[in-house]
Amino acid sequence: MDLCTRDVLVMKFLKGVKLVDAIKAHFAAIAESRNQTLEQLIEEHKGETHTEFEMDTAARWMRLRNVTANAGRTIYNWTAGFFTASLEYTTTSTSSTMPGAIGQRRDGSGGSV
């Protein structure tokens, strides 16, 4: 903490993938599943802005979709899965948060991530 002052915060370097690279890889996978390039997906969603309510609603729908998609797997894993191989859980993703994740801040002010 010797290097920290009221105006300067010194942080430790963490090895790994940069956040921006991980986000781009995530959306590249979404683009590939839609038979698009990442650039095409970004262009398709360019200029979109979403309110915080819309983002929260989309997140709730995704959680609900994940719960319902995995309900049968959970029952199986907690019963027969104890004696046999467990089933893998699935997760769903959507590109509805594209503007907030790549190239545009959530408040619509532009800038980059």
PDB file of N, CA and C in Angstrom:
ATOM      1  N   MET A   1       0.814  -1.204   0.000  1.00  0.00           N
ATOM      2  CA  MET A   1       0.000   0.000   0.000  1.00  0.00           C
ATOM      3  C   MET A   1       0.854   1.263   0.000  1.00  0.00           C
ATOM      4  N   ASP A   2       2.173   1.111  -0.003  1.00  0.00           N
ATOM      5  CA  ASP A   2       3.058   2.276   0.004  1.00  0.00           C
ATOM      6  C   ASP A   2       2.908   3.120  -1.253  1.00  0.00           C
ATOM      7  N   LEU A   3       2.542   2.474  -2.366  1.00  0.00           N
ATOM      8  CA  LEU A   3       2.471   3.181  -3.641  1.00  0.00           C
ATOM      9  C   LEU A   3       1.106   3.834  -3.884  1.00  0.00           C
ATOM     10  N   CYS A   4       0.140   3.572  -3.028  1.00  0.00           N
ATOM     11  CA  CYS A   4      -1.207   4.132  -3.212  1.00  0.00           C
ATOM     12  C   CYS A   4      -1.313   5.482  -2.517  1.00  0.00           C
ATOM     13  N   THR A   5      -1.951   6.410  -3.204  1.00  0.00           N
ATOM     14  CA  THR A   5      -2.247   7.720  -2.622  1.00  0.00           C
ATOM     15  C   THR A   5      -3.733   7.984  -2.820  1.00  0.00           C
ATOM     16  N   ARG A   6      -4.163   9.150  -2.439  1.00  0.00           N
ATOM     17  CA  ARG A   6      -5.571   9.504  -2.618  1.00  0.00           C
ATOM     18  C   ARG A   6      -5.954   9.541  -4.097  1.00  0.00           C
ATOM     19  N   ASP A   7      -5.013   9.870  -4.981  1.00  0.00           N
ATOM     20  CA  ASP A   7      -5.281  10.016  -6.405  1.00  0.00           C
ATOM     21  C   ASP A   7      -4.794   8.851  -7.251  1.00  0.00           C
ATOM     22  N   VAL A   8      -3.958   7.974  -6.695  1.00  0.00           N
ATOM     23  CA  VAL A   8      -3.370   6.885  -7.471  1.00  0.00           C
ATOM     24  C   VAL A   8      -3.605   5.562  -6.758  1.00  0.00           C
ATOM     25  N   LEU A   9      -4.106   4.600  -7.496  1.00  0.00           N
ATOM     26  CA  LEU A   9      -4.299   3.251  -6.974  1.00  0.00           C
ATOM     27  C   LEU A   9      -3.405   2.316  -7.769  1.00  0.00           C
ATOM     28  N   VAL A  10      -2.538   1.602  -7.083  1.00  0.00           N
ATOM     29  CA  VAL A  10      -1.654   0.657  -7.731  1.00  0.00           C
ATOM     30  C   VAL A  10      -2.260  -0.732  -7.563  1.00  0.00           C
ATOM     31  N   MET A  11      -2.323  -1.454  -8.656  1.00  0.00           N
ATOM     32  CA  MET A  11      -2.936  -2.785  -8.617  1.00  0.00           C
ATOM     33  C   MET A  11      -1.932  -3.836  -9.043  1.00  0.00           C
ATOM     34  N   LYS A  12      -2.165  -5.053  -8.621  1.00  0.00           N
ATOM     35  CA  LYS A  12      -1.308  -6.176  -8.974  1.00  0.00           C
ATOM     36  C   LYS A  12      -1.694  -6.698 -10.348  1.00  0.00           C
ATOM     37  N   PHE A  13      -0.698  -7.089 -11.139  1.00  0.00           N
ATOM     38  CA  PHE A  13      -0.952  -7.653 -12.465  1.00  0.00           C
ATOM     39  C   PHE A  13      -1.472  -9.075 -12.319  1.00  0.00           C
ATOM     40  N   LEU A  14      -2.546  -9.382 -13.000  1.00  0.00           N
ATOM     41  CA  LEU A  14      -3.110 -10.726 -13.007  1.00  0.00           C
ATOM     42  C   LEU A  14      -2.924 -11.330 -14.380  1.00  0.00           C
ATOM     43  N   LYS A  15      -2.342 -12.523 -14.419  1.00  0.00           N
ATOM     44  CA  LYS A  15      -2.162 -13.205 -15.694  1.00  0.00           C
ATOM     45  C   LYS A  15      -3.509 -13.727 -16.177  1.00  0.00           C
ATOM     46  N   GLY A  16      -3.666 -13.789 -17.488  1.00  0.00           N
ATOM     47  CA  GLY A  16      -4.882 -14.344 -18.042  1.00  0.00           C
ATOM     48  C   GLY A  16      -5.363 -13.555 -19.248  1.00  0.00           C
ATOM     49  N   VAL A  17      -6.559 -13.891 -19.679  1.00  0.00           N
ATOM     50  CA  VAL A  17      -7.158 -13.257 -20.841  1.00  0.00           C
ATOM     51  C   VAL A  17      -7.733 -11.905 -20.437  1.00  0.00           C
ATOM     52  N   LYS A  18      -7.503 -10.889 -21.279  1.00  0.00           N
ATOM     53  CA  LYS A  18      -8.073  -9.564 -21.016  1.00  0.00           C
ATOM     54  C   LYS A  18      -9.596  -9.643 -21.148  1.00  0.00           C
ATOM     55  N   LEU A  19     -10.288  -8.839 -20.366  1.00  0.00           N
ATOM     56  CA  LEU A  19     -11.744  -8.836 -20.365  1.00  0.00           C
ATOM     57  C   LEU A  19     -12.306  -8.577 -21.759  1.00  0.00           C
ATOM     58  N   VAL A  20     -11.752  -7.604 -22.465  1.00  0.00           N
ATOM     59  CA  VAL A  20     -12.241  -7.268 -23.807  1.00  0.00           C
ATOM     60  C   VAL A  20     -12.081  -8.465 -24.748  1.00  0.00           C
ATOM     61  N   ASP A  21     -10.944  -9.168 -24.644  1.00  0.00           N
ATOM     62  CA  ASP A  21     -10.723 -10.338 -25.499  1.00  0.00           C
ATOM     63  C   ASP A  21     -11.713 -11.450 -25.180  1.00  0.00           C
ATOM     64  N   ALA A  22     -12.029 -11.642 -23.894  1.00  0.00           N
ATOM     65  CA  ALA A  22     -12.998 -12.673 -23.503  1.00  0.00           C
ATOM     66  C   ALA A  22     -14.398 -12.333 -24.014  1.00  0.00           C
ATOM     67  N   ILE A  23     -14.755 -11.053 -23.938  1.00  0.00           N
ATOM     68  CA  ILE A  23     -16.070 -10.621 -24.429  1.00  0.00           C
ATOM     69  C   ILE A  23     -16.152 -10.828 -25.936  1.00  0.00           C
ATOM     70  N   LYS A  24     -15.102 -10.447 -26.648  1.00  0.00           N
ATOM     71  CA  LYS A  24     -15.100 -10.627 -28.099  1.00  0.00           C
ATOM     72  C   LYS A  24     -15.170 -12.100 -28.471  1.00  0.00           C
ATOM     73  N   ALA A  25     -14.479 -12.961 -27.731  1.00  0.00           N
ATOM     74  CA  ALA A  25     -14.528 -14.400 -27.998  1.00  0.00           C
ATOM     75  C   ALA A  25     -15.937 -14.943 -27.764  1.00  0.00           C
ATOM     76  N   HIS A  26     -16.600 -14.445 -26.713  1.00  0.00           N
ATOM     77  CA  HIS A  26     -17.976 -14.867 -26.428  1.00  0.00           C
ATOM     78  C   HIS A  26     -18.907 -14.499 -27.581  1.00  0.00           C
ATOM     79  N   PHE A  27     -18.802 -13.256 -28.050  1.00  0.00           N
ATOM     80  CA  PHE A  27     -19.676 -12.827 -29.134  1.00  0.00           C
ATOM     81  C   PHE A  27     -19.269 -13.433 -30.474  1.00  0.00           C
ATOM     82  N   ALA A  28     -18.003 -13.792 -30.628  1.00  0.00           N
ATOM     83  CA  ALA A  28     -17.581 -14.506 -31.842  1.00  0.00           C
ATOM     84  C   ALA A  28     -18.240 -15.880 -31.889  1.00  0.00           C
ATOM     85  N   ALA A  29     -18.370 -16.530 -30.732  1.00  0.00           N
ATOM     86  CA  ALA A  29     -19.053 -17.824 -30.675  1.00  0.00           C
ATOM     87  C   ALA A  29     -20.535 -17.672 -31.007  1.00  0.00           C
ATOM     88  N   ILE A  30     -21.144 -16.593 -30.519  1.00  0.00           N
ATOM     89  CA  ILE A  30     -22.552 -16.335 -30.850  1.00  0.00           C
ATOM     90  C   ILE A  30     -22.689 -16.082 -32.347  1.00  0.00           C
ATOM     91  N   ALA A  31     -21.790 -15.284 -32.907  1.00  0.00           N
ATOM     92  CA  ALA A  31     -21.832 -14.997 -34.346  1.00  0.00           C
ATOM     93  C   ALA A  31     -21.661 -16.278 -35.150  1.00  0.00           C
ATOM     94  N   GLU A  32     -20.752 -17.134 -34.735  1.00  0.00           N
ATOM     95  CA  GLU A  32     -20.525 -18.400 -35.449  1.00  0.00           C
ATOM     96  C   GLU A  32     -21.766 -19.283 -35.405  1.00  0.00           C
ATOM     97  N   SER A  33     -22.457 -19.310 -34.267  1.00  0.00           N
ATOM     98  CA  SER A  33     -23.677 -20.116 -34.166  1.00  0.00           C
ATOM     99  C   SER A  33     -24.788 -19.573 -35.061  1.00  0.00           C
ATOM    100  N   ARG A  34     -24.683 -18.294 -35.443  1.00  0.00           N
ATOM    101  CA  ARG A  34     -25.662 -17.672 -36.337  1.00  0.00           C
ATOM    102  C   ARG A  34     -25.145 -17.582 -37.766  1.00  0.00           C
ATOM    103  N   ASN A  35     -24.027 -18.272 -38.054  1.00  0.00           N
ATOM    104  CA  ASN A  35     -23.396 -18.262 -39.375  1.00  0.00           C
ATOM    105  C   ASN A  35     -23.040 -16.844 -39.825  1.00  0.00           C
ATOM    106  N   GLN A  36     -22.470 -16.064 -38.899  1.00  0.00           N
ATOM    107  CA  GLN A  36     -22.038 -14.709 -39.180  1.00  0.00           C
ATOM    108  C   GLN A  36     -20.605 -14.543 -38.697  1.00  0.00           C
ATOM    109  N   THR A  37     -19.986 -13.471 -39.145  1.00  0.00           N
ATOM    110  CA  THR A  37     -18.703 -13.091 -38.572  1.00  0.00           C
ATOM    111  C   THR A  37     -18.980 -12.151 -37.403  1.00  0.00           C
ATOM    112  N   LEU A  38     -17.974 -11.953 -36.568  1.00  0.00           N
ATOM    113  CA  LEU A  38     -18.127 -11.026 -35.454  1.00  0.00           C
ATOM    114  C   LEU A  38     -18.439  -9.626 -35.962  1.00  0.00           C
ATOM    115  N   GLU A  39     -17.783  -9.231 -37.044  1.00  0.00           N
ATOM    116  CA  GLU A  39     -18.013  -7.894 -37.607  1.00  0.00           C
ATOM    117  C   GLU A  39     -19.463  -7.742 -38.080  1.00  0.00           C
ATOM    118  N   GLN A  40     -20.019  -8.789 -38.699  1.00  0.00           N
ATOM    119  CA  GLN A  40     -21.411  -8.724 -39.152  1.00  0.00           C
ATOM    120  C   GLN A  40     -22.357  -8.594 -37.962  1.00  0.00           C
ATOM    121  N   LEU A  41     -22.070  -9.329 -36.894  1.00  0.00           N
ATOM    122  CA  LEU A  41     -22.914  -9.264 -35.700  1.00  0.00           C
ATOM    123  C   LEU A  41     -22.854  -7.879 -35.071  1.00  0.00           C
ATOM    124  N   ILE A  42     -21.656  -7.298 -34.989  1.00  0.00           N
ATOM    125  CA  ILE A  42     -21.509  -5.957 -34.439  1.00  0.00           C
ATOM    126  C   ILE A  42     -22.256  -4.942 -35.301  1.00  0.00           C
ATOM    127  N   GLU A  43     -22.108  -5.053 -36.618  1.00  0.00           N
ATOM    128  CA  GLU A  43     -22.788  -4.132 -37.536  1.00  0.00           C
ATOM    129  C   GLU A  43     -24.305  -4.240 -37.404  1.00  0.00           C
ATOM    130  N   GLU A  44     -24.798  -5.456 -37.234  1.00  0.00           N
ATOM    131  CA  GLU A  44     -26.242  -5.681 -37.094  1.00  0.00           C
ATOM    132  C   GLU A  44     -26.797  -4.975 -35.859  1.00  0.00           C
ATOM    133  N   HIS A  45     -25.995  -4.902 -34.806  1.00  0.00           N
ATOM    134  CA  HIS A  45     -26.465  -4.322 -33.548  1.00  0.00           C
ATOM    135  C   HIS A  45     -25.939  -2.912 -33.299  1.00  0.00           C
ATOM    136  N   LYS A  46     -25.249  -2.344 -34.261  1.00  0.00           N
ATOM    137  CA  LYS A  46     -24.674  -1.011 -34.099  1.00  0.00           C
ATOM    138  C   LYS A  46     -25.785   0.017 -33.904  1.00  0.00           C
ATOM    139  N   GLY A  47     -25.576   0.909 -32.977  1.00  0.00           N
ATOM    140  CA  GLY A  47     -26.541   1.975 -32.743  1.00  0.00           C
ATOM    141  C   GLY A  47     -27.674   1.606 -31.801  1.00  0.00           C
ATOM    142  N   GLU A  48     -27.773   0.330 -31.421  1.00  0.00           N
ATOM    143  CA  GLU A  48     -28.819  -0.065 -30.482  1.00  0.00           C
ATOM    144  C   GLU A  48     -28.450   0.400 -29.085  1.00  0.00           C
ATOM    145  N   THR A  49     -29.420   0.869 -28.367  1.00  0.00           N
ATOM    146  CA  THR A  49     -29.219   1.172 -26.952  1.00  0.00           C
ATOM    147  C   THR A  49     -30.357   0.521 -26.181  1.00  0.00           C
ATOM    148  N   HIS A  50     -30.074   0.122 -24.973  1.00  0.00           N
ATOM    149  CA  HIS A  50     -31.064  -0.542 -24.145  1.00  0.00           C
ATOM    150  C   HIS A  50     -31.106   0.137 -22.788  1.00  0.00           C
ATOM    151  N   THR A  51     -32.304   0.268 -22.240  1.00  0.00           N
ATOM    152  CA  THR A  51     -32.436   0.832 -20.902  1.00  0.00           C
ATOM    153  C   THR A  51     -32.012  -0.218 -19.890  1.00  0.00           C
ATOM    154  N   GLU A  52     -31.768   0.222 -18.686  1.00  0.00           N
ATOM    155  CA  GLU A  52     -31.385  -0.730 -17.634  1.00  0.00           C
ATOM    156  C   GLU A  52     -32.515  -1.719 -17.385  1.00  0.00           C
ATOM    157  N   PHE A  53     -33.765  -1.267 -17.482  1.00  0.00           N
ATOM    158  CA  PHE A  53     -34.911  -2.159 -17.305  1.00  0.00           C
ATOM    159  C   PHE A  53     -34.905  -3.256 -18.368  1.00  0.00           C
ATOM    160  N   GLU A  54     -34.640  -2.882 -19.615  1.00  0.00           N
ATOM    161  CA  GLU A  54     -34.587  -3.880 -20.694  1.00  0.00           C
ATOM    162  C   GLU A  54     -33.462  -4.892 -20.468  1.00  0.00           C
ATOM    163  N   MET A  55     -32.313  -4.406 -20.012  1.00  0.00           N
ATOM    164  CA  MET A  55     -31.188  -5.301 -19.746  1.00  0.00           C
ATOM    165  C   MET A  55     -31.511  -6.257 -18.607  1.00  0.00           C
ATOM    166  N   ASP A  56     -32.126  -5.738 -17.534  1.00  0.00           N
ATOM    167  CA  ASP A  56     -32.488  -6.581 -16.401  1.00  0.00           C
ATOM    168  C   ASP A  56     -33.544  -7.605 -16.792  1.00  0.00           C
ATOM    169  N   THR A  57     -34.513  -7.186 -17.612  1.00  0.00           N
ATOM    170  CA  THR A  57     -35.553  -8.106 -18.070  1.00  0.00           C
ATOM    171  C   THR A  57     -34.947  -9.216 -18.923  1.00  0.00           C
ATOM    172  N   ALA A  58     -34.031  -8.873 -19.806  1.00  0.00           N
ATOM    173  CA  ALA A  58     -33.369  -9.885 -20.642  1.00  0.00           C
ATOM    174  C   ALA A  58     -32.577 -10.860 -19.776  1.00  0.00           C
ATOM    175  N   ALA A  59     -31.907 -10.359 -18.755  1.00  0.00           N
ATOM    176  CA  ALA A  59     -31.137 -11.224 -17.861  1.00  0.00           C
ATOM    177  C   ALA A  59     -32.063 -12.175 -17.106  1.00  0.00           C
ATOM    178  N   ARG A  60     -33.218 -11.675 -16.667  1.00  0.00           N
ATOM    179  CA  ARG A  60     -34.183 -12.551 -15.978  1.00  0.00           C
ATOM    180  C   ARG A  60     -34.691 -13.649 -16.905  1.00  0.00           C
ATOM    181  N   TRP A  61     -35.001 -13.295 -18.152  1.00  0.00           N
ATOM    182  CA  TRP A  61     -35.467 -14.296 -19.116  1.00  0.00           C
ATOM    183  C   TRP A  61     -34.398 -15.348 -19.385  1.00  0.00           C
ATOM    184  N   MET A  62     -33.133 -14.919 -19.461  1.00  0.00           N
ATOM    185  CA  MET A  62     -32.049 -15.878 -19.678  1.00  0.00           C
ATOM    186  C   MET A  62     -31.919 -16.836 -18.500  1.00  0.00           C
ATOM    187  N   ARG A  63     -32.027 -16.301 -17.274  1.00  0.00           N
ATOM    188  CA  ARG A  63     -31.960 -17.170 -16.095  1.00  0.00           C
ATOM    189  C   ARG A  63     -33.125 -18.156 -16.086  1.00  0.00           C
ATOM    190  N   LEU A  64     -34.329 -17.673 -16.408  1.00  0.00           N
ATOM    191  CA  LEU A  64     -35.495 -18.550 -16.452  1.00  0.00           C
ATOM    192  C   LEU A  64     -35.321 -19.626 -17.512  1.00  0.00           C
ATOM    193  N   ARG A  65     -34.791 -19.252 -18.675  1.00  0.00           N
ATOM    194  CA  ARG A  65     -34.550 -20.208 -19.748  1.00  0.00           C
ATOM    195  C   ARG A  65     -33.530 -21.262 -19.316  1.00  0.00           C
ATOM    196  N   ASN A  66     -32.492 -20.841 -18.610  1.00  0.00           N
ATOM    197  CA  ASN A  66     -31.497 -21.793 -18.121  1.00  0.00           C
ATOM    198  C   ASN A  66     -32.091 -22.746 -17.092  1.00  0.00           C
ATOM    199  N   VAL A  67     -32.914 -22.220 -16.186  1.00  0.00           N
ATOM    200  CA  VAL A  67     -33.537 -23.068 -15.166  1.00  0.00           C
ATOM    201  C   VAL A  67     -34.454 -24.099 -15.809  1.00  0.00           C
ATOM    202  N   THR A  68     -35.303 -23.654 -16.730  1.00  0.00           N
ATOM    203  CA  THR A  68     -36.226 -24.601 -17.354  1.00  0.00           C
ATOM    204  C   THR A  68     -35.501 -25.596 -18.250  1.00  0.00           C
ATOM    205  N   ALA A  69     -34.435 -25.158 -18.929  1.00  0.00           N
ATOM    206  CA  ALA A  69     -33.691 -26.070 -19.798  1.00  0.00           C
ATOM    207  C   ALA A  69     -32.961 -27.135 -18.995  1.00  0.00           C
ATOM    208  N   ASN A  70     -32.611 -26.822 -17.744  1.00  0.00           N
ATOM    209  CA  ASN A  70     -31.825 -27.750 -16.937  1.00  0.00           C
ATOM    210  C   ASN A  70     -32.633 -28.464 -15.859  1.00  0.00           C
ATOM    211  N   ALA A  71     -33.943 -28.230 -15.789  1.00  0.00           N
ATOM    212  CA  ALA A  71     -34.755 -28.848 -14.738  1.00  0.00           C
ATOM    213  C   ALA A  71     -34.699 -30.374 -14.815  1.00  0.00           C
ATOM    214  N   GLY A  72     -34.893 -30.929 -15.985  1.00  0.00           N
ATOM    215  CA  GLY A  72     -34.847 -32.383 -16.146  1.00  0.00           C
ATOM    216  C   GLY A  72     -33.469 -32.945 -15.843  1.00  0.00           C
ATOM    217  N   ARG A  73     -32.438 -32.237 -16.252  1.00  0.00           N
ATOM    218  CA  ARG A  73     -31.064 -32.683 -15.986  1.00  0.00           C
ATOM    219  C   ARG A  73     -30.785 -32.686 -14.485  1.00  0.00           C
ATOM    220  N   THR A  74     -31.295 -31.668 -13.783  1.00  0.00           N
ATOM    221  CA  THR A  74     -31.093 -31.598 -12.338  1.00  0.00           C
ATOM    222  C   THR A  74     -31.762 -32.777 -11.642  1.00  0.00           C
ATOM    223  N   ILE A  75     -32.992 -33.063 -12.016  1.00  0.00           N
ATOM    224  CA  ILE A  75     -33.703 -34.205 -11.423  1.00  0.00           C
ATOM    225  C   ILE A  75     -32.947 -35.496 -11.685  1.00  0.00           C
ATOM    226  N   TYR A  76     -32.492 -35.681 -12.913  1.00  0.00           N
ATOM    227  CA  TYR A  76     -31.742 -36.887 -13.262  1.00  0.00           C
ATOM    228  C   TYR A  76     -30.446 -36.963 -12.449  1.00  0.00           C
ATOM    229  N   ASN A  77     -29.705 -35.868 -12.389  1.00  0.00           N
ATOM    230  CA  ASN A  77     -28.425 -35.872 -11.682  1.00  0.00           C
ATOM    231  C   ASN A  77     -28.583 -36.141 -10.192  1.00  0.00           C
ATOM    232  N   TRP A  78     -29.697 -35.699  -9.607  1.00  0.00           N
ATOM    233  CA  TRP A  78     -29.921 -35.914  -8.180  1.00  0.00           C
ATOM    234  C   TRP A  78     -30.571 -37.264  -7.887  1.00  0.00           C
ATOM    235  N   THR A  79     -30.928 -38.007  -8.912  1.00  0.00           N
ATOM    236  CA  THR A  79     -31.488 -39.352  -8.702  1.00  0.00           C
ATOM    237  C   THR A  79     -30.572 -40.376  -9.352  1.00  0.00           C
ATOM    238  N   ALA A  80     -30.826 -40.715 -10.584  1.00  0.00           N
ATOM    239  CA  ALA A  80     -30.041 -41.736 -11.289  1.00  0.00           C
ATOM    240  C   ALA A  80     -28.604 -41.292 -11.516  1.00  0.00           C
ATOM    241  N   GLY A  81     -28.348 -40.012 -11.560  1.00  0.00           N
ATOM    242  CA  GLY A  81     -27.006 -39.500 -11.787  1.00  0.00           C
ATOM    243  C   GLY A  81     -26.029 -39.853 -10.687  1.00  0.00           C
ATOM    244  N   PHE A  82     -26.554 -40.171  -9.489  1.00  0.00           N
ATOM    245  CA  PHE A  82     -25.672 -40.601  -8.407  1.00  0.00           C
ATOM    246  C   PHE A  82     -25.034 -41.949  -8.722  1.00  0.00           C
ATOM    247  N   PHE A  83     -25.743 -42.778  -9.485  1.00  0.00           N
ATOM    248  CA  PHE A  83     -25.277 -44.126  -9.767  1.00  0.00           C
ATOM    249  C   PHE A  83     -24.676 -44.284 -11.159  1.00  0.00           C
ATOM    250  N   THR A  84     -24.991 -43.361 -12.051  1.00  0.00           N
ATOM    251  CA  THR A  84     -24.461 -43.394 -13.414  1.00  0.00           C
ATOM    252  C   THR A  84     -23.774 -42.065 -13.699  1.00  0.00           C
ATOM    253  N   ALA A  85     -23.416 -41.854 -14.925  1.00  0.00           N
ATOM    254  CA  ALA A  85     -22.779 -40.587 -15.300  1.00  0.00           C
ATOM    255  C   ALA A  85     -23.786 -39.442 -15.225  1.00  0.00           C
ATOM    256  N   SER A  86     -23.354 -38.319 -14.664  1.00  0.00           N
ATOM    257  CA  SER A  86     -24.209 -37.139 -14.586  1.00  0.00           C
ATOM    258  C   SER A  86     -24.308 -36.473 -15.952  1.00  0.00           C
ATOM    259  N   LEU A  87     -25.410 -35.782 -16.178  1.00  0.00           N
ATOM    260  CA  LEU A  87     -25.599 -35.022 -17.411  1.00  0.00           C
ATOM    261  C   LEU A  87     -25.011 -33.624 -17.240  1.00  0.00           C
ATOM    262  N   GLU A  88     -24.446 -33.103 -18.308  1.00  0.00           N
ATOM    263  CA  GLU A  88     -23.907 -31.741 -18.288  1.00  0.00           C
ATOM    264  C   GLU A  88     -25.054 -30.736 -18.344  1.00  0.00           C
ATOM    265  N   TYR A  89     -24.906 -29.641 -17.622  1.00  0.00           N
ATOM    266  CA  TYR A  89     -25.896 -28.571 -17.682  1.00  0.00           C
ATOM    267  C   TYR A  89     -25.626 -27.700 -18.903  1.00  0.00           C
ATOM    268  N   THR A  90     -26.677 -27.108 -19.427  1.00  0.00           N
ATOM    269  CA  THR A  90     -26.541 -26.230 -20.586  1.00  0.00           C
ATOM    270  C   THR A  90     -26.789 -24.793 -20.155  1.00  0.00           C
ATOM    271  N   THR A  91     -26.186 -23.862 -20.874  1.00  0.00           N
ATOM    272  CA  THR A  91     -26.453 -22.447 -20.653  1.00  0.00           C
ATOM    273  C   THR A  91     -26.798 -21.827 -21.993  1.00  0.00           C
ATOM    274  N   THR A  92     -27.651 -20.848 -21.947  1.00  0.00           N
ATOM    275  CA  THR A  92     -28.044 -20.151 -23.158  1.00  0.00           C
ATOM    276  C   THR A  92     -27.402 -18.784 -23.157  1.00  0.00           C
ATOM    277  N   SER A  93     -27.180 -18.262 -24.342  1.00  0.00           N
ATOM    278  CA  SER A  93     -26.632 -16.914 -24.447  1.00  0.00           C
ATOM    279  C   SER A  93     -27.374 -16.185 -25.553  1.00  0.00           C
ATOM    280  N   THR A  94     -27.311 -14.887 -25.476  1.00  0.00           N
ATOM    281  CA  THR A  94     -27.989 -14.069 -26.463  1.00  0.00           C
ATOM    282  C   THR A  94     -27.108 -12.888 -26.807  1.00  0.00           C
ATOM    283  N   SER A  95     -27.342 -12.320 -27.952  1.00  0.00           N
ATOM    284  CA  SER A  95     -26.558 -11.149 -28.350  1.00  0.00           C
ATOM    285  C   SER A  95     -27.298  -9.858 -28.032  1.00  0.00           C
ATOM    286  N   SER A  96     -28.322  -9.928 -27.159  1.00  0.00           N
ATOM    287  CA  SER A  96     -29.100  -8.723 -26.864  1.00  0.00           C
ATOM    288  C   SER A  96     -28.286  -7.680 -26.121  1.00  0.00           C
ATOM    289  N   THR A  97     -27.164  -8.074 -25.528  1.00  0.00           N
ATOM    290  CA  THR A  97     -26.347  -7.117 -24.809  1.00  0.00           C
ATOM    291  C   THR A  97     -25.155  -6.652 -25.629  1.00  0.00           C
ATOM    292  N   MET A  98     -25.185  -6.888 -26.925  1.00  0.00           N
ATOM    293  CA  MET A  98     -24.066  -6.529 -27.797  1.00  0.00           C
ATOM    294  C   MET A  98     -23.640  -5.072 -27.645  1.00  0.00           C
ATOM    295  N   PRO A  99     -24.538  -4.080 -27.690  1.00  0.00           N
ATOM    296  CA  PRO A  99     -24.072  -2.699 -27.610  1.00  0.00           C
ATOM    297  C   PRO A  99     -23.376  -2.396 -26.299  1.00  0.00           C
ATOM    298  N   GLY A 100     -23.837  -2.971 -25.218  1.00  0.00           N
ATOM    299  CA  GLY A 100     -23.223  -2.715 -23.931  1.00  0.00           C
ATOM    300  C   GLY A 100     -21.888  -3.403 -23.771  1.00  0.00           C
ATOM    301  N   ALA A 101     -21.636  -4.430 -24.562  1.00  0.00           N
ATOM    302  CA  ALA A 101     -20.423  -5.210 -24.386  1.00  0.00           C
ATOM    303  C   ALA A 101     -19.309  -4.815 -25.341  1.00  0.00           C
ATOM    304  N   ILE A 102     -19.634  -4.463 -26.558  1.00  0.00           N
ATOM    305  CA  ILE A 102     -18.596  -4.155 -27.531  1.00  0.00           C
ATOM    306  C   ILE A 102     -18.880  -2.801 -28.167  1.00  0.00           C
ATOM    307  N   GLY A 103     -17.954  -1.876 -27.964  1.00  0.00           N
ATOM    308  CA  GLY A 103     -17.973  -0.640 -28.734  1.00  0.00           C
ATOM    309  C   GLY A 103     -18.906   0.449 -28.283  1.00  0.00           C
ATOM    310  N   GLN A 104     -19.739   0.223 -27.270  1.00  0.00           N
ATOM    311  CA  GLN A 104     -20.648   1.286 -26.841  1.00  0.00           C
ATOM    312  C   GLN A 104     -20.954   1.110 -25.380  1.00  0.00           C
ATOM    313  N   ARG A 105     -20.895   2.185 -24.641  1.00  0.00           N
ATOM    314  CA  ARG A 105     -21.219   2.098 -23.227  1.00  0.00           C
ATOM    315  C   ARG A 105     -22.713   1.953 -23.050  1.00  0.00           C
ATOM    316  N   ARG A 106     -23.106   1.457 -21.891  1.00  0.00           N
ATOM    317  CA  ARG A 106     -24.524   1.204 -21.601  1.00  0.00           C
ATOM    318  C   ARG A 106     -25.354   2.472 -21.665  1.00  0.00           C
ATOM    319  N   ASP A 107     -24.777   3.604 -21.318  1.00  0.00           N
ATOM    320  CA  ASP A 107     -25.535   4.863 -21.321  1.00  0.00           C
ATOM    321  C   ASP A 107     -25.648   5.474 -22.717  1.00  0.00           C
ATOM    322  N   GLY A 108     -25.101   4.808 -23.730  1.00  0.00           N
ATOM    323  CA  GLY A 108     -25.226   5.303 -25.103  1.00  0.00           C
ATOM    324  C   GLY A 108     -24.264   6.397 -25.448  1.00  0.00           C
ATOM    325  N   SER A 109     -23.267   6.644 -24.595  1.00  0.00           N
ATOM    326  CA  SER A 109     -22.372   7.770 -24.829  1.00  0.00           C
ATOM    327  C   SER A 109     -21.249   7.455 -25.820  1.00  0.00           C
ATOM    328  N   GLY A 110     -21.222   6.242 -26.329  1.00  0.00           N
ATOM    329  CA  GLY A 110     -20.161   5.864 -27.244  1.00  0.00           C
ATOM    330  C   GLY A 110     -18.954   5.374 -26.495  1.00  0.00           C
ATOM    331  N   GLY A 111     -17.794   5.617 -27.009  1.00  0.00           N
ATOM    332  CA  GLY A 111     -16.595   5.137 -26.344  1.00  0.00           C
ATOM    333  C   GLY A 111     -16.421   3.650 -26.603  1.00  0.00           C
ATOM    334  N   SER A 112     -15.384   3.109 -26.065  1.00  0.00           N
ATOM    335  CA  SER A 112     -15.176   1.691 -26.249  1.00  0.00           C
ATOM    336  C   SER A 112     -14.875   1.020 -24.943  1.00  0.00           C
ATOM    337  N   VAL A 113     -15.023  -0.270 -24.952  1.00  0.00           N
ATOM    338  CA  VAL A 113     -14.818  -1.048 -23.739  1.00  0.00           C
ATOM    339  C   VAL A 113     -13.340  -1.262 -23.519  1.00  0.00           C
TER     340      VAL A 113
END
